[in-house]
Amino acid sequence: MSGRIMPCSPREISSLFLFEKLSPEQLGRLCSEGRVELFEPGPVYTEGDPATCFFVMIEGTVVMSRRVAGDDVEVTRTDQRGVYAGAMQAYLGDRVRQVYTNSMRVTVPTRFFVLPADIFAEVMTDWFPMAVHLLEGLFFGSKNTQAAIGQRERLLALGSLSAGLTHELNNPAAAAVRATATLRERVAKMRRKLAFIAEGPFSREALASLMEVQERTAERVAKAPALSPLEAADREDLLTGWLDDHGIDNGWQLAPTFVQAGLDVDWLAQVAAAVDEEILPGAVGWLNYTIETELLMNEIEDSTARISHLVDAAKQYSQLDRAPYRVVDVHELLDSTLLMLSGKIGADIEVVKEYDRALPPVPAYPAELNQVWTNLIDNAVSAINSAGGAGTLTVRTALDRERLLVEFRDTGPGVPPEIKDRIFDPFFTTKPVGEGTGLGLDISRRIVVNKHHGTLHVQSVPGDTRFQVLLPLAAEPSESSEERAEEAV
């Protein structure tokens, strides 16, 4: 939007605090190469457009806003003379993408001193070369430092995740190795027992009955009910008594295996009725080996299924085979992140999931949302650990008007009111030196706000701190916001 050109008075613009130290020659150059424009109520420039001008308000009222989830969110409203906006980084040239980072409108007829971006860059370089060098160093130094520390933080997070994943994988892998070794031993004993039975004075009909009982016993193992410790102990006593009564040695050793397989006295009575009395001890021993091998194979199956589940969760977390932008179920992302961080969360922190499974999927960058969940969960765990190491982490999802809410609530000491407004600032951290970079929440906010057009805020009292992420249910990634997020992260 263009305003009405008006005369430029060096004396008037010298009254603005930004120009009050300039010489008459410098003020004259500004008036000759810049201009004064009067804007009627309405927009002056729009976020994302090329930054062509530097604006200094002479009189009037301006409103600055940012685009969030399709809405313009007001961030500043002022009538202070001399406030400035627009192409404030023009002196950096092509090294930085020169676009307006917010939108500006006026609510009353407002006069601005307007300086073209190229002229602003030129006069800054000519008049304040040392200041320009310092500003360049500050800008690029801060950006490079943030990038380096951000990379370091991601590497530390990766190391923590790798340690947790290795720990989680080690348990089922070790269980599978142990079960495999025991299974090899049991199969060898089964072969010896089979040779003993084959050489014995058993009829073909007796062997056929034994094989049938073996098959039915194997099927029963797969359907074994879960028993309480008291129920299992009672059933073991009954089985031990039955085995002793039928002259079978070491009944107290066999009974726990039979109970684990779901066998009871009635089942053993059926076995006794199906085979001859003289081969009953051998049949029971043979069935014991059958049950043990079935149980061991179940243990191997459970262990390998657990490993497969962990690998799937790691793939889901890293999104290695997924499109960068797609429609996702946030519950899948939350579950994979919680699983990856389970080692870091530890046994003393109770994790409570309050999911609204009726929520629809949302368009998002899943790998980057996982980074947000990681940072927020890590902060919650650190807060709980600082208060003694035991507490509750609650992850909740819900519908909040036209947005999807993901909330992380912890029972830590809370965020002190005096620093609440600073926790999203880059490099601000309350963790001890060497334990935090201060970029986790800044990166999370940029991912949520810039890249997903959502919001991230905190509510905190001692014992109840809630970080709330609100994501639009329907959104399209904008090129400008995407590029800004990439630059920031």
Protein backbone atom coordinates (compact mmCIF):
# COMPACT_ATOMS: atom_id res chain seq x y z
CA MET A 1 0.00 0.00 0.00
CA SER A 2 1.32 3.46 -0.89
CA GLY A 3 0.70 6.66 1.03
CA ARG A 4 0.46 10.27 -0.04
CA ILE A 5 3.86 11.90 -0.50
CA MET A 6 4.40 14.97 1.68
CA PRO A 7 7.26 17.46 2.12
CA CYS A 8 10.22 16.22 4.14
CA SER A 9 11.62 18.62 6.73
CA PRO A 10 15.14 17.93 8.03
CA ARG A 11 14.21 19.77 11.18
CA GLU A 12 11.18 17.59 11.78
CA ILE A 13 12.94 14.28 11.28
CA SER A 14 15.82 15.46 13.50
CA SER A 15 13.29 15.51 16.35
CA LEU A 16 12.96 11.74 16.08
CA PHE A 17 15.24 9.95 18.58
CA LEU A 18 16.71 7.77 15.84
CA PHE A 19 18.07 10.79 13.92
CA GLU A 20 18.68 13.39 16.66
CA LYS A 21 22.50 13.01 16.55
CA LEU A 22 22.84 13.35 12.77
CA SER A 23 24.52 16.34 11.16
CA PRO A 24 22.64 18.82 8.95
CA GLU A 25 24.29 17.25 5.89
CA GLN A 26 23.16 13.78 6.91
CA LEU A 27 19.61 15.01 7.59
CA GLY A 28 19.61 16.68 4.22
CA ARG A 29 20.63 13.47 2.49
CA LEU A 30 17.88 11.55 4.26
CA CYS A 31 15.25 14.04 3.11
CA SER A 32 16.59 14.09 -0.44
CA GLU A 33 16.78 10.32 -0.83
CA GLY A 34 13.89 9.37 1.44
CA ARG A 35 10.37 10.70 1.70
CA VAL A 36 7.52 11.43 4.09
CA GLU A 37 4.30 9.54 3.40
CA LEU A 38 0.86 9.86 4.91
CA PHE A 39 -1.01 6.54 5.22
CA GLU A 40 -4.74 6.35 5.78
CA PRO A 41 -6.05 3.69 8.19
CA GLY A 42 -5.27 0.25 6.78
CA PRO A 43 -2.27 -1.94 5.91
CA VAL A 44 1.18 -0.51 5.27
CA TYR A 45 3.04 -3.74 4.44
CA THR A 46 2.41 -7.49 4.80
CA GLU A 47 4.46 -10.22 6.43
CA GLY A 48 6.45 -12.24 3.93
CA ASP A 49 6.56 -9.58 1.22
CA PRO A 50 9.97 -8.30 0.02
CA ALA A 51 11.33 -5.75 2.50
CA THR A 52 11.75 -2.68 0.31
CA CYS A 53 11.53 0.16 2.82
CA PHE A 54 12.53 1.25 6.31
CA PHE A 55 9.74 3.10 8.17
CA VAL A 56 10.04 5.60 11.05
CA MET A 57 6.74 6.91 12.45
CA ILE A 58 6.47 10.67 12.77
CA GLU A 59 2.95 10.79 14.17
CA GLY A 60 -0.04 8.43 14.36
CA THR A 61 -0.65 4.90 15.65
CA VAL A 62 0.76 1.63 14.33
CA VAL A 63 -0.22 -1.99 14.95
CA MET A 64 2.28 -4.81 14.36
CA SER A 65 1.03 -8.38 13.89
CA ARG A 66 2.21 -11.87 13.04
CA ARG A 67 0.42 -14.52 11.02
CA VAL A 68 -0.47 -17.56 13.17
CA ALA A 69 -2.72 -20.41 11.98
CA GLY A 70 -4.27 -18.20 9.33
CA ASP A 71 -5.02 -15.36 11.75
CA ASP A 72 -3.24 -12.06 12.34
CA VAL A 73 -2.11 -11.96 15.97
CA GLU A 74 -1.37 -8.47 17.27
CA VAL A 75 2.02 -8.20 18.95
CA THR A 76 2.50 -4.41 19.32
CA ARG A 77 0.31 -1.29 19.26
CA THR A 78 1.91 2.11 19.86
CA ASP A 79 1.66 5.82 19.15
CA GLN A 80 5.22 6.64 20.28
CA ARG A 81 7.01 8.98 17.87
CA GLY A 82 10.13 7.56 16.29
CA VAL A 83 9.26 3.87 16.44
CA TYR A 84 10.64 2.06 13.43
CA ALA A 85 9.99 -1.10 11.46
CA GLY A 86 10.42 -2.70 8.05
CA ALA A 87 13.74 -3.43 6.36
CA MET A 88 15.81 -3.17 9.53
CA GLN A 89 18.41 -5.70 8.32
CA ALA A 90 18.92 -4.25 4.87
CA TYR A 91 22.58 -3.54 5.71
CA LEU A 92 23.17 -7.33 5.68
CA GLY A 93 22.34 -7.43 1.98
CA ASP A 94 21.79 -10.70 0.15
CA ARG A 95 23.32 -12.71 2.96
CA VAL A 96 19.92 -12.66 4.65
CA ARG A 97 16.54 -13.14 2.99
CA GLN A 98 15.08 -9.63 2.96
CA VAL A 99 11.37 -9.96 3.71
CA TYR A 100 9.06 -8.29 6.19
CA THR A 101 8.93 -10.47 9.29
CA ASN A 102 5.59 -9.05 10.42
CA SER A 103 2.67 -7.00 9.14
CA MET A 104 2.08 -3.33 9.92
CA ARG A 105 -1.12 -1.33 9.70
CA VAL A 106 -2.24 2.05 10.97
CA THR A 107 -5.48 2.82 12.77
CA VAL A 108 -5.49 6.60 12.21
CA PRO A 109 -3.93 8.79 9.49
CA THR A 110 -0.22 8.27 10.16
CA ARG A 111 2.89 9.93 8.77
CA PHE A 112 6.13 7.99 8.26
CA PHE A 113 9.58 8.91 7.17
CA VAL A 114 10.23 6.24 4.53
CA LEU A 115 13.71 5.30 3.37
CA PRO A 116 14.23 2.76 0.54
CA ALA A 117 16.02 -0.37 1.77
CA ASP A 118 19.03 0.07 -0.53
CA ILE A 119 19.51 3.68 0.61
CA PHE A 120 19.17 2.64 4.25
CA ALA A 121 21.87 -0.02 3.74
CA GLU A 122 24.11 2.53 2.00
CA VAL A 123 23.85 5.25 4.66
CA MET A 124 24.39 2.71 7.45
CA THR A 125 27.58 1.50 5.79
CA ASP A 126 28.80 5.04 5.00
CA TRP A 127 27.97 6.71 8.31
CA PHE A 128 28.37 3.90 10.84
CA PRO A 129 30.89 1.39 9.45
CA MET A 130 32.03 0.23 12.87
CA ALA A 131 28.46 -0.21 14.08
CA VAL A 132 27.61 -2.17 10.94
CA HIS A 133 30.55 -4.50 11.53
CA LEU A 134 29.51 -5.00 15.13
CA LEU A 135 25.90 -5.66 14.13
CA GLU A 136 26.97 -8.09 11.42
CA GLY A 137 29.20 -9.91 13.88
CA LEU A 138 26.42 -10.03 16.44
CA PHE A 139 23.86 -11.29 13.92
CA PHE A 140 25.93 -13.93 12.17
CA GLY A 141 27.88 -14.86 15.30
CA SER A 142 24.67 -15.45 17.20
CA LYS A 143 23.19 -17.37 14.29
CA ASN A 144 26.29 -19.56 13.91
CA THR A 145 26.50 -20.13 17.65
CA GLN A 146 22.83 -21.05 17.78
CA ALA A 147 23.27 -23.45 14.87
CA ALA A 148 26.34 -25.07 16.44
CA ILE A 149 24.75 -25.42 19.86
CA GLY A 150 21.50 -26.59 18.25
CA GLN A 151 23.45 -29.29 16.44
CA ARG A 152 25.21 -30.19 19.68
CA GLU A 153 21.87 -30.38 21.46
CA ARG A 154 20.49 -32.68 18.80
CA LEU A 155 23.58 -34.88 19.09
CA LEU A 156 23.18 -35.02 22.87
CA ALA A 157 19.51 -35.90 22.43
CA LEU A 158 20.49 -38.57 19.91
CA GLY A 159 23.05 -39.99 22.34
CA SER A 160 20.46 -40.07 25.11
CA LEU A 161 17.94 -41.74 22.83
CA SER A 162 20.53 -44.25 21.63
CA ALA A 163 21.41 -45.15 25.21
CA GLY A 164 17.75 -45.55 26.08
CA LEU A 165 17.02 -47.59 22.97
CA THR A 166 20.08 -49.81 23.56
CA HIS A 167 18.92 -50.41 27.13
CA GLU A 168 15.40 -51.26 25.96
CA LEU A 169 16.68 -53.58 23.22
CA ASN A 170 19.16 -55.31 25.51
CA ASN A 171 16.50 -56.85 27.77
CA PRO A 172 14.47 -58.71 25.12
CA ALA A 173 17.61 -59.58 23.16
CA ALA A 174 19.24 -61.11 26.25
CA ALA A 175 16.00 -62.96 27.04
CA ALA A 176 15.90 -64.39 23.52
CA VAL A 177 19.53 -65.54 23.77
CA ARG A 178 18.91 -67.23 27.14
CA ALA A 179 15.71 -68.88 25.91
CA THR A 180 17.45 -70.13 22.77
CA ALA A 181 20.26 -71.73 24.77
CA THR A 182 17.78 -73.39 27.13
CA LEU A 183 15.64 -74.52 24.20
CA ARG A 184 18.65 -76.25 22.60
CA GLU A 185 19.25 -78.11 25.86
CA ARG A 186 15.58 -79.16 26.16
CA VAL A 187 15.41 -80.35 22.54
CA ALA A 188 18.50 -82.49 23.15
CA LYS A 189 16.79 -84.07 26.18
CA MET A 190 13.65 -84.63 24.11
CA ARG A 191 15.71 -86.53 21.55
CA ARG A 192 17.15 -88.74 24.26
CA LYS A 193 13.74 -89.30 25.80
CA LEU A 194 12.28 -90.12 22.38
CA ALA A 195 15.03 -92.73 21.86
CA PHE A 196 14.25 -94.21 25.28
CA ILE A 197 10.54 -94.43 24.48
CA ALA A 198 11.18 -95.91 21.04
CA GLU A 199 13.38 -98.65 22.53
CA GLY A 200 10.89 -99.44 25.30
CA PRO A 201 8.17 -102.10 25.29
CA PHE A 202 5.45 -99.73 24.15
CA SER A 203 2.83 -100.65 21.61
CA ARG A 204 2.14 -98.61 18.51
CA GLU A 205 -1.25 -97.67 19.94
CA ALA A 206 0.34 -96.41 23.17
CA LEU A 207 2.83 -94.27 21.23
CA ALA A 208 0.02 -92.90 19.05
CA SER A 209 -1.93 -91.95 22.21
CA LEU A 210 1.15 -90.28 23.63
CA MET A 211 1.65 -88.25 20.45
CA GLU A 212 -1.99 -87.16 20.52
CA VAL A 213 -1.69 -86.08 24.15
CA GLN A 214 1.47 -84.17 23.23
CA GLU A 215 -0.33 -82.23 20.48
CA ARG A 216 -3.25 -81.38 22.73
CA THR A 217 -0.88 -80.31 25.48
CA ALA A 218 1.00 -77.98 23.10
CA GLU A 219 -2.31 -76.40 22.07
CA ARG A 220 -3.25 -75.90 25.71
CA VAL A 221 0.03 -74.06 26.40
CA ALA A 222 -0.93 -71.41 23.85
CA LYS A 223 -4.22 -70.82 25.71
CA ALA A 224 -2.83 -70.84 29.25
CA PRO A 225 -4.78 -68.44 31.53
CA ALA A 226 -3.09 -65.80 33.65
CA LEU A 227 -3.17 -66.77 37.32
CA SER A 228 -2.59 -64.74 40.43
CA PRO A 229 0.36 -65.79 42.62
CA LEU A 230 -2.05 -67.31 45.16
CA GLU A 231 -3.96 -69.25 42.51
CA ALA A 232 -0.70 -70.54 40.99
CA ALA A 233 0.59 -71.68 44.40
CA ASP A 234 -2.65 -73.55 45.15
CA ARG A 235 -2.61 -75.28 41.77
CA GLU A 236 1.07 -76.26 42.19
CA ASP A 237 0.24 -77.92 45.51
CA LEU A 238 -2.57 -79.93 43.93
CA LEU A 239 -0.41 -81.01 40.99
CA THR A 240 2.50 -81.98 43.24
CA GLY A 241 0.15 -84.16 45.30
CA TRP A 242 -1.28 -85.84 42.17
CA LEU A 243 2.16 -86.58 40.76
CA ASP A 244 3.37 -88.01 44.08
CA ASP A 245 0.27 -90.19 44.33
CA HIS A 246 0.99 -91.65 40.87
CA GLY A 247 4.60 -92.50 41.66
CA ILE A 248 6.19 -89.78 39.56
CA ASP A 249 9.47 -88.52 41.00
CA ASN A 250 10.34 -84.85 41.41
CA GLY A 251 6.72 -83.77 41.18
CA TRP A 252 7.51 -80.51 42.98
CA GLN A 253 9.87 -79.59 40.09
CA LEU A 254 7.37 -80.46 37.37
CA ALA A 255 4.35 -78.78 38.96
CA PRO A 256 5.39 -75.10 38.35
CA THR A 257 5.98 -75.82 34.64
CA PHE A 258 2.60 -77.52 34.30
CA VAL A 259 0.84 -74.63 36.08
CA GLN A 260 2.55 -72.10 33.80
CA ALA A 261 1.26 -74.10 30.82
CA GLY A 262 -2.31 -74.01 32.14
CA LEU A 263 -2.48 -77.71 33.11
CA ASP A 264 -4.44 -78.87 36.14
CA VAL A 265 -5.27 -82.16 37.91
CA ASP A 266 -8.16 -82.85 35.54
CA TRP A 267 -5.84 -82.59 32.55
CA LEU A 268 -3.30 -84.97 34.07
CA ALA A 269 -6.15 -87.38 34.81
CA GLN A 270 -7.01 -87.33 31.10
CA VAL A 271 -3.36 -88.05 30.30
CA ALA A 272 -3.36 -91.00 32.74
CA ALA A 273 -6.50 -92.36 31.10
CA ALA A 274 -5.00 -92.06 27.60
CA VAL A 275 -1.78 -94.03 28.24
CA ASP A 276 -0.92 -97.26 30.00
CA GLU A 277 0.03 -97.03 33.64
CA GLU A 278 3.54 -98.36 33.08
CA ILE A 279 4.43 -95.61 30.64
CA LEU A 280 2.77 -92.77 32.63
CA PRO A 281 6.03 -91.52 34.28
CA GLY A 282 7.77 -91.48 30.90
CA ALA A 283 4.76 -89.80 29.31
CA VAL A 284 4.68 -87.10 31.99
CA GLY A 285 8.43 -86.48 31.54
CA TRP A 286 7.96 -86.31 27.77
CA LEU A 287 5.08 -83.82 28.20
CA ASN A 288 7.23 -81.76 30.54
CA TYR A 289 9.85 -81.35 27.81
CA THR A 290 7.11 -80.52 25.31
CA ILE A 291 5.71 -77.85 27.61
CA GLU A 292 9.15 -76.37 28.31
CA THR A 293 9.97 -76.10 24.60
CA GLU A 294 6.61 -74.46 23.89
CA LEU A 295 7.12 -71.98 26.72
CA LEU A 296 10.64 -71.21 25.56
CA MET A 297 9.45 -70.65 22.00
CA ASN A 298 6.77 -68.31 23.35
CA GLU A 299 9.44 -66.41 25.25
CA ILE A 300 11.58 -66.11 22.12
CA GLU A 301 8.55 -64.95 20.14
CA ASP A 302 7.68 -62.34 22.77
CA SER A 303 11.27 -61.11 22.93
CA THR A 304 11.67 -60.79 19.17
CA ALA A 305 8.24 -59.13 18.92
CA ARG A 306 9.40 -56.63 21.54
CA ILE A 307 12.57 -55.95 19.53
CA SER A 308 10.50 -55.49 16.37
CA HIS A 309 8.18 -53.11 18.23
CA LEU A 310 11.13 -51.06 19.44
CA VAL A 311 12.59 -50.88 15.93
CA ASP A 312 9.21 -49.78 14.57
CA ALA A 313 8.99 -47.14 17.28
CA ALA A 314 12.49 -45.89 16.44
CA LYS A 315 11.54 -45.70 12.76
CA GLN A 316 8.33 -43.86 13.66
CA TYR A 317 10.26 -41.47 15.87
CA SER A 318 12.90 -40.68 13.27
CA GLN A 319 10.41 -40.75 10.37
CA LEU A 320 13.14 -42.25 8.18
CA ASP A 321 10.75 -43.58 5.55
CA ARG A 322 8.06 -40.92 5.71
CA ALA A 323 7.32 -37.80 3.69
CA PRO A 324 8.46 -34.64 5.51
CA TYR A 325 4.94 -33.15 5.45
CA ARG A 326 1.91 -35.38 5.81
CA VAL A 327 -1.25 -36.04 7.79
CA VAL A 328 -0.36 -37.75 11.08
CA ASP A 329 -1.95 -39.18 14.20
CA VAL A 330 -0.27 -37.28 17.03
CA HIS A 331 -0.84 -40.22 19.37
CA GLU A 332 1.50 -42.38 17.29
CA LEU A 333 4.15 -39.67 17.48
CA LEU A 334 3.69 -39.25 21.24
CA ASP A 335 3.86 -42.99 21.89
CA SER A 336 7.03 -43.44 19.84
CA THR A 337 8.70 -40.49 21.60
CA LEU A 338 7.73 -41.75 25.06
CA LEU A 339 9.09 -45.18 24.18
CA MET A 340 12.36 -43.72 22.91
CA LEU A 341 12.71 -41.68 26.12
CA SER A 342 11.57 -44.43 28.50
CA GLY A 343 15.13 -45.09 29.64
CA LYS A 344 15.63 -41.41 30.49
CA ILE A 345 12.23 -41.10 32.17
CA GLY A 346 13.07 -43.92 34.54
CA ALA A 347 10.98 -46.04 36.87
CA ASP A 348 10.36 -43.33 39.50
CA ILE A 349 8.33 -41.14 37.14
CA GLU A 350 4.82 -42.36 36.39
CA VAL A 351 3.67 -41.62 32.85
CA VAL A 352 -0.08 -41.08 32.48
CA LYS A 353 -1.66 -40.91 29.03
CA GLU A 354 -4.96 -39.03 28.73
CA TYR A 355 -5.58 -39.37 25.01
CA ASP A 356 -8.71 -38.37 23.16
CA ARG A 357 -8.59 -41.10 20.53
CA ALA A 358 -11.48 -39.48 18.64
CA LEU A 359 -9.25 -36.60 17.53
CA PRO A 360 -8.67 -36.42 13.78
CA PRO A 361 -5.20 -36.60 12.23
CA VAL A 362 -3.53 -33.28 11.49
CA PRO A 363 -1.19 -32.09 8.71
CA ALA A 364 2.31 -31.73 10.13
CA TYR A 365 6.03 -32.30 9.85
CA PRO A 366 6.14 -35.41 12.08
CA ALA A 367 9.90 -35.62 12.59
CA GLU A 368 9.94 -32.03 13.84
CA LEU A 369 6.91 -32.52 16.09
CA ASN A 370 8.79 -35.46 17.62
CA GLN A 371 11.61 -33.02 18.33
CA VAL A 372 9.11 -30.77 20.13
CA TRP A 373 7.75 -33.68 22.18
CA THR A 374 11.35 -34.71 23.03
CA ASN A 375 12.25 -31.24 24.29
CA LEU A 376 9.07 -30.84 26.36
CA ILE A 377 9.31 -34.33 27.89
CA ASP A 378 13.00 -33.77 28.65
CA ASN A 379 12.14 -30.50 30.43
CA ALA A 380 9.39 -32.19 32.43
CA VAL A 381 11.71 -35.04 33.48
CA SER A 382 14.41 -32.56 34.51
CA ALA A 383 11.87 -30.58 36.55
CA ILE A 384 10.64 -33.70 38.35
CA ASN A 385 14.22 -34.87 39.01
CA SER A 386 15.07 -31.48 40.50
CA ALA A 387 12.27 -32.02 43.02
CA GLY A 388 13.49 -35.40 44.21
CA GLY A 389 13.21 -37.67 41.17
CA ALA A 390 9.70 -39.06 41.76
CA GLY A 391 6.55 -37.63 40.25
CA THR A 392 4.03 -37.85 37.45
CA LEU A 393 4.25 -36.85 33.80
CA THR A 394 0.82 -36.57 32.19
CA VAL A 395 0.47 -36.35 28.42
CA ARG A 396 -3.00 -35.20 27.37
CA THR A 397 -4.66 -34.61 24.01
CA ALA A 398 -7.97 -32.86 23.49
CA LEU A 399 -9.94 -30.70 21.09
CA ASP A 400 -9.65 -26.97 21.84
CA ARG A 401 -12.18 -25.22 19.61
CA GLU A 402 -10.76 -25.63 16.09
CA ARG A 403 -7.33 -26.77 17.25
CA LEU A 404 -5.73 -29.92 18.61
CA LEU A 405 -4.24 -29.60 22.09
CA VAL A 406 -1.21 -31.61 23.23
CA GLU A 407 -0.39 -30.93 26.88
CA PHE A 408 2.60 -32.06 28.94
CA ARG A 409 1.96 -31.73 32.67
CA ASP A 410 4.56 -32.42 35.35
CA THR A 411 4.58 -32.33 39.14
CA GLY A 412 7.91 -30.51 39.39
CA PRO A 413 8.58 -27.30 41.33
CA GLY A 414 7.15 -25.07 38.60
CA VAL A 415 8.46 -22.10 36.63
CA PRO A 416 9.15 -19.04 38.80
CA PRO A 417 6.99 -16.05 37.74
CA GLU A 418 10.03 -13.81 37.29
CA ILE A 419 11.46 -16.01 34.50
CA LYS A 420 8.24 -17.26 32.94
CA ASP A 421 8.44 -14.69 30.14
CA ARG A 422 12.05 -15.63 29.35
CA ILE A 423 11.94 -19.42 29.09
CA PHE A 424 11.38 -19.33 25.32
CA ASP A 425 14.32 -16.96 24.76
CA PRO A 426 17.33 -18.44 22.93
CA PHE A 427 20.12 -19.63 25.25
CA PHE A 428 18.08 -19.04 28.42
CA THR A 429 18.23 -22.04 30.73
CA THR A 430 17.83 -22.80 34.42
CA LYS A 431 19.80 -26.04 34.20
CA PRO A 432 23.34 -26.24 35.64
CA VAL A 433 26.24 -25.26 33.42
CA GLY A 434 26.92 -27.97 30.86
CA GLU A 435 23.50 -29.61 31.17
CA GLY A 436 21.39 -27.31 29.03
CA THR A 437 21.91 -25.08 26.01
CA GLY A 438 18.77 -22.99 26.39
CA LEU A 439 17.67 -23.75 22.84
CA GLY A 440 15.19 -26.58 23.39
CA LEU A 441 12.15 -24.40 24.07
CA ASP A 442 13.19 -21.79 21.51
CA ILE A 443 13.48 -24.46 18.81
CA SER A 444 10.18 -26.00 19.90
CA ARG A 445 8.41 -22.66 19.72
CA ARG A 446 9.79 -21.95 16.26
CA ILE A 447 8.71 -25.38 14.99
CA VAL A 448 5.20 -25.02 16.43
CA VAL A 449 4.61 -21.35 15.56
CA ASN A 450 6.58 -20.76 12.38
CA LYS A 451 6.27 -24.13 10.73
CA HIS A 452 2.91 -25.39 11.94
CA HIS A 453 1.08 -22.08 12.52
CA GLY A 454 0.27 -23.18 16.05
CA THR A 455 0.96 -21.85 19.52
CA LEU A 456 3.10 -22.97 22.45
CA HIS A 457 2.66 -21.54 25.92
CA VAL A 458 3.11 -22.51 29.57
CA GLN A 459 0.96 -22.43 32.68
CA SER A 460 2.78 -23.08 35.92
CA VAL A 461 2.29 -23.25 39.67
CA PRO A 462 4.38 -25.35 42.07
CA GLY A 463 3.48 -28.98 41.51
CA ASP A 464 1.59 -28.36 38.27
CA THR A 465 3.42 -27.11 35.19
CA ARG A 466 1.72 -27.45 31.80
CA PHE A 467 3.29 -26.86 28.42
CA GLN A 468 0.48 -26.68 25.88
CA VAL A 469 0.89 -27.09 22.13
CA LEU A 470 -2.08 -26.06 19.98
CA LEU A 471 -2.04 -27.21 16.35
CA PRO A 472 -4.55 -26.25 13.64
CA LEU A 473 -6.66 -29.15 12.42
CA ALA A 474 -6.16 -28.05 8.84
CA ALA A 475 -3.21 -26.05 7.54
CA GLU A 476 -0.97 -25.70 4.55
CA PRO A 477 2.76 -25.07 4.95
CA SER A 478 3.77 -21.66 3.67
CA GLU A 479 7.11 -21.28 1.96
CA SER A 480 8.09 -18.20 3.91
CA SER A 481 7.29 -19.66 7.32
CA GLU A 482 8.98 -22.93 6.39
CA GLU A 483 12.16 -21.22 5.33
CA ARG A 484 12.17 -19.08 8.45
CA ALA A 485 11.81 -22.16 10.62
CA GLU A 486 14.65 -23.87 8.80
CA GLU A 487 16.86 -20.83 9.27
CA ALA A 488 15.96 -20.64 12.96
CA VAL A 489 16.46 -24.32 13.67
